[in-house]
Protein backbone atom coordinates (compact mmCIF):
# COMPACT_ATOMS: atom_id res chain seq x y z
CA MET A 1 13.43 10.34 -0.98
CA LEU A 2 11.84 13.05 1.16
CA LEU A 3 8.29 14.33 1.00
CA GLN A 4 5.89 16.98 2.19
CA PHE A 5 2.13 16.63 1.93
CA SER A 6 -1.18 18.41 2.36
CA ALA A 7 -4.49 16.63 3.07
CA ILE A 8 -7.82 18.44 2.65
CA THR A 9 -11.40 17.22 2.81
CA ASP A 10 -14.02 19.83 1.90
CA ILE A 11 -17.81 19.57 2.04
CA GLY A 12 -18.20 21.15 -1.41
CA ALA A 13 -20.13 24.23 -2.47
CA ASN A 14 -23.42 22.41 -3.10
CA ARG A 15 -23.43 19.70 -0.43
CA THR A 16 -24.86 19.79 3.09
CA SER A 17 -23.14 16.66 4.48
CA GLN A 18 -19.60 15.32 4.36
CA GLN A 19 -19.29 11.71 3.16
CA ASP A 20 -15.56 11.68 2.36
CA SER A 21 -12.85 10.53 4.76
CA ILE A 22 -9.06 10.64 4.41
CA LEU A 23 -6.06 8.96 6.04
CA SER A 24 -2.46 10.13 6.34
CA ILE A 25 0.25 8.20 8.19
CA PRO A 26 3.41 9.89 6.89
CA GLN A 27 5.85 7.76 8.92
CA LEU A 28 4.39 4.32 9.53
CA ILE A 29 7.44 2.35 10.63
CA HIS A 30 9.05 4.62 13.21
CA ASN A 31 6.94 7.51 14.37
CA ASN A 32 3.85 8.92 12.74
CA ASP A 33 4.55 12.42 14.00
CA SER A 34 8.31 12.87 13.62
CA LEU A 35 9.60 15.18 10.93
CA THR A 36 13.15 15.62 9.82
CA ASP A 37 14.99 18.74 10.94
CA GLN A 38 14.07 20.27 7.57
CA ASP A 39 10.34 19.58 7.94
CA TYR A 40 10.37 16.72 5.44
CA TYR A 41 9.28 13.11 5.95
CA ASP A 42 11.65 10.33 4.95
CA ASP A 43 10.06 7.71 2.71
CA SER A 44 12.27 4.97 4.16
CA ASN A 45 9.87 5.03 7.11
CA ALA A 46 6.91 4.31 4.77
CA SER A 47 4.07 6.76 4.19
CA ILE A 48 0.43 5.67 3.94
CA PHE A 49 -2.28 7.85 2.41
CA ALA A 50 -5.90 7.06 1.54
CA VAL A 51 -9.10 8.68 0.30
CA ALA A 52 -12.56 7.15 0.79
CA ASP A 53 -15.71 8.51 -0.87
CA GLY A 54 -18.83 7.26 0.92
CA MET A 55 -22.24 6.71 -0.64
CA GLY A 56 -25.73 5.94 0.66
CA GLY A 57 -28.72 7.77 2.05
CA GLY A 58 -28.67 9.80 5.26
CA LYS A 59 -25.51 9.31 7.28
CA SER A 60 -24.76 5.95 5.66
CA GLY A 61 -22.17 7.36 3.27
CA ASP A 62 -20.43 9.26 6.05
CA LEU A 63 -20.24 6.11 8.17
CA ALA A 64 -19.12 3.93 5.26
CA SER A 65 -16.09 6.09 4.46
CA GLN A 66 -15.21 6.33 8.16
CA LEU A 67 -15.36 2.55 8.56
CA ALA A 68 -13.21 2.14 5.45
CA ILE A 69 -10.50 4.49 6.71
CA GLU A 70 -10.59 3.00 10.21
CA GLY A 71 -10.22 -0.47 8.71
CA LEU A 72 -7.22 0.56 6.60
CA SER A 73 -5.54 2.31 9.51
CA GLU A 74 -6.12 -0.56 11.92
CA TYR A 75 -4.67 -3.12 9.54
CA VAL A 76 -1.53 -1.26 8.44
CA LEU A 77 -0.62 -0.31 12.02
CA LYS A 78 -0.91 -3.94 13.13
CA HIS A 79 0.91 -5.44 10.15
CA LYS A 80 3.60 -2.94 9.23
CA GLU A 81 6.18 -5.72 9.69
CA LEU A 82 5.19 -6.80 6.16
CA LEU A 83 7.19 -3.84 4.88
CA PRO A 84 9.31 -3.39 2.90
CA ASN A 85 9.24 -6.87 1.37
CA ASP A 86 5.50 -7.41 0.93
CA SER A 87 3.85 -4.11 0.10
CA TYR A 88 1.30 -5.83 -2.12
CA SER A 89 0.00 -8.01 0.71
CA LEU A 90 -0.21 -5.05 3.08
CA ILE A 91 -2.36 -3.02 0.67
CA ASN A 92 -4.41 -5.98 -0.54
CA SER A 93 -5.22 -7.21 2.96
CA ALA A 94 -5.88 -3.71 4.30
CA ILE A 95 -8.50 -3.09 1.61
CA TYR A 96 -10.21 -6.42 2.29
CA HIS A 97 -10.12 -5.68 6.01
CA ALA A 98 -11.76 -2.30 5.39
CA ASN A 99 -14.47 -4.04 3.37
CA GLU A 100 -15.05 -6.49 6.22
CA GLN A 101 -15.64 -3.59 8.61
CA ILE A 102 -18.46 -2.30 6.41
CA LEU A 103 -19.94 -5.77 5.83
CA SER A 104 -19.86 -6.44 9.57
CA HIS A 105 -21.80 -3.23 10.18
CA LEU A 106 -24.37 -4.19 7.53
CA ASN A 107 -24.95 -7.55 9.21
CA PHE A 108 -26.25 -5.74 12.30
CA HIS A 109 -27.81 -2.74 10.52
CA PRO A 110 -29.66 -4.00 7.42
CA ASP A 111 -31.36 -0.61 7.02
CA ASP A 112 -27.98 0.74 5.84
CA LEU A 113 -27.83 -1.75 2.98
CA SER A 114 -27.27 1.01 0.40
CA MET A 115 -24.07 2.20 2.08
CA GLY A 116 -20.72 1.79 0.41
CA SER A 117 -17.43 3.56 -0.20
CA THR A 118 -14.68 3.88 -2.73
CA VAL A 119 -11.08 3.68 -1.57
CA MET A 120 -7.78 4.83 -3.04
CA MET A 121 -4.77 3.78 -0.96
CA GLY A 122 -1.17 4.79 -1.59
CA LEU A 123 2.05 3.55 0.00
CA ILE A 124 5.33 5.41 -0.58
CA GLN A 125 8.56 3.70 0.48
CA ASP A 126 12.11 3.50 -0.83
CA GLU A 127 11.38 5.62 -3.92
CA LYS A 128 8.41 3.48 -4.97
CA LEU A 129 4.67 4.16 -5.01
CA PHE A 130 2.22 1.30 -4.50
CA ILE A 131 -1.47 2.01 -5.01
CA GLY A 132 -4.57 -0.13 -4.51
CA TRP A 133 -8.13 0.94 -5.13
CA VAL A 134 -11.79 0.02 -5.44
CA GLY A 135 -14.18 2.41 -7.21
CA ASP A 136 -13.42 5.69 -8.95
CA SER A 137 -11.29 7.66 -6.50
CA ARG A 138 -8.07 8.45 -8.34
CA CYS A 139 -4.30 8.78 -8.18
CA TYR A 140 -2.37 11.15 -10.46
CA GLY A 141 1.35 11.69 -10.94
CA LEU A 142 3.11 14.83 -12.19
CA ASP A 143 6.47 13.91 -13.68
CA LYS A 144 9.58 16.08 -13.71
CA LEU A 145 8.89 17.09 -17.31
CA GLY A 146 5.58 18.61 -16.25
CA GLU A 147 3.29 15.92 -17.68
CA LEU A 148 0.27 14.77 -15.63
CA THR A 149 -0.70 11.08 -15.79
CA GLN A 150 -3.67 9.28 -14.26
CA LEU A 151 -2.00 6.35 -12.50
CA SER A 152 -5.20 4.53 -11.50
CA HIS A 153 -7.98 3.08 -13.66
CA ASP A 154 -11.57 3.77 -12.59
CA HIS A 155 -13.91 0.92 -11.71
CA SER A 156 -16.82 2.69 -13.39
CA PHE A 157 -19.39 2.28 -16.13
CA VAL A 158 -18.01 5.24 -18.07
CA GLN A 159 -14.44 3.90 -17.87
CA SER A 160 -15.71 0.63 -19.37
CA LEU A 161 -17.14 2.61 -22.28
CA VAL A 162 -13.75 4.29 -22.76
CA ASP A 163 -11.95 0.92 -22.60
CA GLU A 164 -14.31 -0.50 -25.23
CA GLY A 165 -13.69 2.48 -27.52
CA LYS A 166 -17.31 3.64 -27.41
CA ILE A 167 -16.48 7.11 -26.04
CA THR A 168 -13.33 9.18 -25.62
CA GLN A 169 -11.72 10.21 -22.34
CA GLU A 170 -12.88 13.76 -23.03
CA GLU A 171 -16.48 12.59 -23.53
CA ALA A 172 -16.29 10.66 -20.27
CA PHE A 173 -15.62 13.85 -18.30
CA ASP A 174 -19.21 15.13 -18.54
CA HIS A 175 -21.01 11.87 -19.39
CA PRO A 176 -24.47 11.67 -17.71
CA ASN A 177 -23.62 8.27 -16.17
CA ARG A 178 -20.16 9.17 -14.90
CA ASN A 179 -21.21 8.58 -11.27
CA ILE A 180 -22.03 4.88 -11.78
CA ILE A 181 -19.27 2.66 -10.40
CA ASN A 182 -18.82 -1.08 -10.97
CA GLN A 183 -17.70 -1.97 -7.46
CA SER A 184 -17.26 -0.43 -4.04
CA LEU A 185 -16.47 -1.40 -0.48
CA GLY A 186 -19.64 -2.76 1.10
CA MET A 187 -20.19 -5.30 -1.70
CA PRO A 188 -19.83 -8.98 -0.69
CA SER A 189 -17.22 -9.48 -3.41
CA ILE A 190 -14.59 -6.95 -4.43
CA ILE A 191 -11.57 -7.19 -6.70
CA PRO A 192 -9.10 -4.38 -5.89
CA SER A 193 -6.69 -3.16 -8.55
CA PHE A 194 -3.00 -2.54 -7.91
CA GLU A 195 -0.10 -0.71 -9.51
CA MET A 196 3.52 0.06 -8.63
CA PHE A 197 5.57 3.01 -9.91
CA GLU A 198 9.18 4.10 -9.56
CA LEU A 199 9.13 7.63 -8.12
CA ASN A 200 12.43 8.89 -9.50
CA SER A 201 10.67 10.52 -12.45
CA PHE A 202 7.82 12.11 -10.44
CA SER A 203 7.70 15.38 -8.55
CA LYS A 204 4.14 15.27 -7.18
CA ILE A 205 1.51 12.62 -6.41
CA LEU A 206 -2.20 13.41 -6.01
CA LEU A 207 -4.87 11.18 -4.44
CA CYS A 208 -8.43 12.50 -4.72
CA SER A 209 -12.13 11.71 -4.63
CA ASP A 210 -14.21 12.34 -7.74
CA GLY A 211 -15.43 15.59 -6.20
CA LEU A 212 -12.13 17.04 -7.46
CA ASN A 213 -11.56 15.34 -10.81
CA SER A 214 -15.24 15.57 -11.85
CA MET A 215 -14.97 19.37 -11.57
CA LEU A 216 -11.44 19.87 -12.91
CA THR A 217 -9.98 18.64 -16.18
CA ASP A 218 -6.54 17.07 -16.21
CA THR A 219 -5.22 20.26 -17.79
CA GLU A 220 -6.60 22.39 -14.96
CA ILE A 221 -5.09 20.07 -12.35
CA ARG A 222 -1.73 20.13 -14.16
CA ASN A 223 -1.66 23.91 -14.44
CA ILE A 224 -2.01 24.28 -10.68
CA LEU A 225 0.54 21.59 -9.84
CA LEU A 226 3.12 23.27 -12.07
CA LYS A 227 3.10 26.41 -9.93
CA ASP A 228 6.12 27.06 -7.71
CA LEU A 229 4.21 27.24 -4.42
CA PRO A 230 4.23 25.34 -1.10
CA VAL A 231 2.32 22.07 -1.21
CA ASP A 232 -0.46 23.27 1.12
CA GLN A 233 -1.15 26.30 -1.09
CA LEU A 234 -1.25 24.17 -4.24
CA ASN A 235 -3.67 21.74 -2.65
CA GLN A 236 -5.94 24.52 -1.43
CA GLN A 237 -5.99 26.01 -4.94
CA LEU A 238 -7.16 22.66 -6.33
CA VAL A 239 -10.04 22.49 -3.84
CA ASP A 240 -10.96 26.16 -4.29
CA LEU A 241 -11.11 25.85 -8.08
CA ALA A 242 -13.27 22.72 -7.83
CA ASN A 243 -15.71 24.68 -5.66
CA GLU A 244 -15.63 27.65 -8.03
CA LYS A 245 -16.56 25.37 -10.92
CA GLY A 246 -19.59 23.99 -9.10
CA GLY A 247 -18.50 22.01 -6.05
CA ASP A 248 -21.20 19.43 -6.77
CA ASP A 249 -19.70 16.81 -4.46
CA ASN A 250 -17.52 16.49 -1.38
CA ILE A 251 -13.88 17.15 -2.29
CA SER A 252 -10.95 15.22 -0.83
CA SER A 253 -7.41 15.85 -1.98
CA ILE A 254 -4.05 14.58 -0.71
CA LEU A 255 -1.11 16.22 -2.50
CA ILE A 256 2.41 14.87 -1.96
CA HIS A 257 5.52 16.78 -3.05
CA LEU A 258 8.60 14.59 -3.56
CA TYR A 259 12.22 15.67 -3.11
CA PRO A 260 15.60 13.93 -3.47
CA LYS A 261 17.52 13.34 -0.25
CA GLU A 262 19.30 16.65 -0.34
CA LYS A 263 18.17 20.08 0.66
CA ILE A 264 18.86 23.33 -1.17
CA LYS A 265 20.08 25.95 1.25
CA ASN A 266 21.44 29.35 0.22
CA GLY A 267 21.88 28.06 -3.32
CA THR A 268 24.04 25.05 -2.34
CA SER A 269 23.25 21.37 -1.96
CA GLU A 270 23.77 19.70 1.37
CA SER A 271 23.42 15.93 1.74
CA LEU A 272 20.90 14.63 4.25
CA VAL A 273 22.83 11.62 5.52
CA ASN A 274 20.49 11.23 8.47
CA PRO A 275 17.32 13.29 8.01
CA ILE A 276 15.92 12.54 11.47
CA VAL A 277 18.89 13.35 13.71
CA LYS A 278 20.90 16.55 13.28
CA PRO A 279 24.56 15.89 12.40
CA PHE A 280 27.35 16.08 14.98
CA LYS A 281 30.17 18.57 14.68
CA ARG A 282 32.69 17.72 11.98
CA LYS A 283 35.47 16.57 14.32
CA THR A 284 33.18 14.23 16.23
CA THR A 285 31.80 12.87 12.96
CA TRP A 286 35.28 11.88 11.70
CA ILE A 287 36.09 10.10 14.95
CA LEU A 288 32.84 8.16 14.87
CA THR A 289 33.38 7.32 11.20
CA LEU A 290 36.81 5.79 11.92
CA ILE A 291 35.41 3.79 14.84
CA SER A 292 32.55 2.55 12.65
CA ILE A 293 34.96 1.42 9.91
CA CYS A 294 37.00 -0.55 12.44
CA LEU A 295 33.92 -2.20 13.91
CA ILE A 296 32.55 -3.10 10.48
CA SER A 297 35.88 -4.63 9.45
CA LEU A 298 35.99 -6.69 12.64
CA PHE A 299 32.41 -7.85 12.09
CA VAL A 300 33.20 -8.95 8.50
CA LEU A 301 36.20 -11.00 9.65
CA VAL A 302 34.20 -12.70 12.40
CA PHE A 303 31.31 -13.38 10.02
CA LYS A 304 33.61 -15.00 7.41
CA TYR A 305 35.17 -17.19 10.08
CA GLN A 306 31.81 -18.34 11.42
CA THR A 307 30.55 -19.01 7.90
CA LYS A 308 33.44 -21.39 7.22
CA GLN A 309 32.88 -23.16 10.53
CA SER A 310 29.14 -23.47 9.99
CA SER A 311 29.00 -25.22 6.65
CA THR A 312 26.03 -27.30 7.77
CA LEU A 313 23.76 -24.22 7.80
CA LYS A 314 21.81 -23.95 4.55
CA PRO A 315 20.60 -20.46 3.63
CA ALA A 316 17.63 -21.90 1.78
CA LYS A 317 16.30 -23.47 4.97
CA ILE A 318 16.69 -20.23 6.89
CA GLU A 319 14.79 -18.38 4.16
CA GLU A 320 12.00 -20.93 4.22
CA ARG A 321 11.51 -20.50 7.97
CA LYS A 322 11.38 -16.74 7.57
CA GLN A 323 8.76 -16.96 4.86
CA ALA A 324 6.71 -19.53 6.71
CA SER A 325 6.55 -17.34 9.79
CA ILE A 326 5.23 -14.42 7.74
CA ASN A 327 2.56 -16.53 6.09
CA ASP A 328 1.63 -18.16 9.38
CA ASN A 329 0.94 -14.70 10.77
CA LEU A 330 -1.21 -13.87 7.76
CA ASN A 331 -3.17 -17.09 7.91
CA THR A 332 -4.02 -16.64 11.57
CA ASP A 333 -5.72 -13.30 10.91
CA ASN A 334 -9.33 -14.45 11.14
CA SER A 335 -10.65 -11.03 10.20
CA LEU A 336 -9.62 -11.52 6.55
CA PRO A 337 -11.58 -13.45 3.91
CA ALA A 338 -10.04 -16.54 2.38
CA GLN A 339 -9.34 -14.74 -0.90
CA THR A 340 -7.15 -12.22 0.91
CA VAL A 341 -4.77 -14.91 2.13
CA ALA A 342 -4.95 -16.77 -1.15
CA ASN A 343 -3.84 -13.73 -3.13
CA GLN A 344 -0.78 -13.11 -0.96
CA THR A 345 1.77 -14.84 -3.18
CA THR A 346 4.74 -12.49 -3.06
CA ASN A 347 6.63 -14.26 -0.28
CA GLN A 348 6.15 -17.64 -1.94
CA ASP A 349 7.98 -16.68 -5.13
CA THR A 350 11.35 -17.97 -3.97
CA ILE A 351 10.00 -21.30 -2.67
CA SER A 352 10.28 -23.99 -5.32
CA ASN A 353 7.07 -25.91 -5.87
CA SER A 354 6.67 -27.79 -9.12
CA ASN A 355 2.93 -28.27 -8.51
CA LYS A 356 2.19 -24.54 -8.75
CA SER A 357 1.94 -22.38 -11.84
CA TYR A 358 0.54 -18.94 -12.49
CA TYR A 359 -2.37 -17.51 -14.41
CA ILE A 360 -3.48 -13.97 -15.19
CA ARG A 361 -6.99 -12.86 -14.31
CA ILE A 362 -7.67 -10.50 -17.23
CA LYS A 363 -11.09 -9.16 -16.31
CA VAL A 364 -14.16 -10.03 -14.25
CA PHE A 365 -17.83 -9.93 -15.27
CA SER A 366 -21.08 -10.59 -13.46
CA ASN A 367 -22.60 -11.78 -16.77
CA LYS A 368 -21.33 -15.00 -18.38
CA LYS A 369 -22.31 -13.96 -21.91
CA GLN A 370 -20.14 -10.85 -21.69
CA ALA A 371 -17.23 -12.88 -20.33
CA ASP A 372 -17.59 -15.51 -23.09
CA ALA A 373 -17.80 -12.82 -25.77
CA LEU A 374 -14.61 -11.07 -24.65
CA ALA A 375 -12.76 -14.38 -24.25
CA LYS A 376 -13.74 -15.34 -27.80
CA THR A 377 -12.53 -11.98 -29.08
CA LEU A 378 -9.19 -12.38 -27.30
CA GLU A 379 -8.73 -15.91 -28.64
CA GLY A 380 -9.45 -14.61 -32.14
CA LYS A 381 -6.61 -12.12 -31.81
CA ASN A 382 -4.13 -14.79 -30.70
CA ASP A 383 -5.17 -18.44 -30.90
CA GLN A 384 -1.88 -19.56 -29.38
CA LEU A 385 -2.85 -18.23 -25.96
CA ASN A 386 -4.96 -20.33 -23.60
CA TYR A 387 -7.94 -18.27 -22.39
CA GLU A 388 -10.61 -19.69 -20.11
CA VAL A 389 -13.77 -18.36 -18.44
CA ARG A 390 -14.06 -19.49 -14.82
CA LEU A 391 -16.81 -19.10 -12.25
CA SER A 392 -15.18 -17.74 -9.09
CA GLY A 393 -16.28 -18.46 -5.54
CA GLU A 394 -17.89 -15.02 -5.48
CA GLY A 395 -20.25 -15.83 -8.35
CA LEU A 396 -18.29 -13.71 -10.83
CA TYR A 397 -17.01 -14.82 -14.23
CA GLU A 398 -13.25 -14.43 -14.63
CA ILE A 399 -11.45 -14.36 -17.95
CA CYS A 400 -8.15 -16.10 -17.24
CA LEU A 401 -4.99 -16.51 -19.29
CA LEU A 402 -3.47 -19.80 -18.18
CA ASP A 403 -0.20 -21.67 -17.86
CA PHE A 404 2.64 -19.34 -16.93
CA LYS A 405 5.53 -21.24 -15.37
CA SER A 406 6.60 -18.36 -13.15
CA LYS A 407 5.39 -15.02 -11.90
CA ASP A 408 8.19 -13.35 -13.88
CA ASP A 409 6.85 -14.88 -17.11
CA ALA A 410 3.39 -13.54 -16.32
CA MET A 411 4.79 -10.10 -15.50
CA LYS A 412 6.73 -9.98 -18.78
CA PHE A 413 3.53 -10.79 -20.68
CA LEU A 414 1.58 -8.03 -18.88
CA GLU A 415 4.30 -5.47 -19.62
CA LYS A 416 3.64 -5.99 -23.33
CA SER A 417 -0.16 -6.06 -22.99
CA ALA A 418 -2.99 -3.65 -22.21
CA TYR A 419 -4.89 -5.23 -19.34
CA PRO A 420 -5.27 -2.47 -16.71
CA ASP A 421 -7.30 -4.62 -14.27
CA ALA A 422 -5.21 -7.79 -14.58
CA VAL A 423 -3.98 -9.65 -11.49
CA ILE A 424 -1.42 -12.48 -11.39
CA LEU A 425 -2.48 -15.48 -9.28
CA TYR A 426 -1.53 -19.10 -8.59
CA LYS A 427 -3.30 -21.61 -10.80
CA ASN A 428 -4.26 -23.73 -7.79
CA VAL A 429 -5.56 -20.88 -5.60
CA VAL A 430 -8.32 -22.21 -3.35
CA ARG A 431 -11.42 -20.03 -3.52
């Protein structure tokens, strides 16, 4: 899949300081600055985008969002070897690392104690979108049928009211408490949310701070994204309309236009076999193709012969060494909190360990009575499921659904459920 993008951060019509920061690394793996010969980026090289909305008095909010973006950028550039197999760990650890940057600053500057920042981070690779977030910065997707969907789920007081059925989504748009968020970077304990989406059905992805979506309804956003205009013009129209409707906050918007790996030129389709390097002349291409086929055939024959002669090599052992080396690298990163390493379970899935099972963390509360009440309600709906309220190492009360034999079993359960903030973890995670 190919993409073009536009990233804008605007001070807003009624603000005098800029507290938003944005990040765009459109080609993480190979070269951040290289485009294809058609001015598209190739998602096989992994694209990272992020929006951070700072908060706090004076310049604290400005600094908080900058520290958040710097933390994300630093981590993904140092650990891009996690891709493509462990996208979850890359996003999860990058967000925790960004939080550590803010907490470290607060240790030396207690006067900035009110500072904090939201973060919305997106990773596009191999026709998939991975997002992780803390706070109320959002991600939207426009599908090929023209429908706009909010892909993220706000960590906010108003969103909790919507989830509990006390107000509608329409009432939340202009609710007087819509600016209150439940968590942000800069808090000692954060619980990021994560989602993954197949991109084949989407044409555009939008990451934004609430300075955009608090001014524009979903319908207004959709109407602009449906226009047949270059991505930079569409993005500018979003920001301009938000300012026209009040511009009460800083506005950050990253708009990504997705394309299949073929270009339309003079009304005909032409395959982009190699979008970075321009193709050779046809005659040279055929010669190289024949040579490549011969070399591949020779390699296959040699490989089969060596495989027969090396029957003592066990693929499982090789895989275990590979996974151990990845986790060793993660565990030696002293900049990350213990929970970050504990939550990185993806690479362990193929390692058999009968002592480990999975549980689902349904929701987290700071108040035990609220946690107990929801757990009791859930048990009343299905007394065959094993719910439990646990006190985490961060002093938060977790509602957990226990005893899944595998991560696949837990995933299948979540696919049939409505738990937007749920996270799958090992039962014996050390906190």
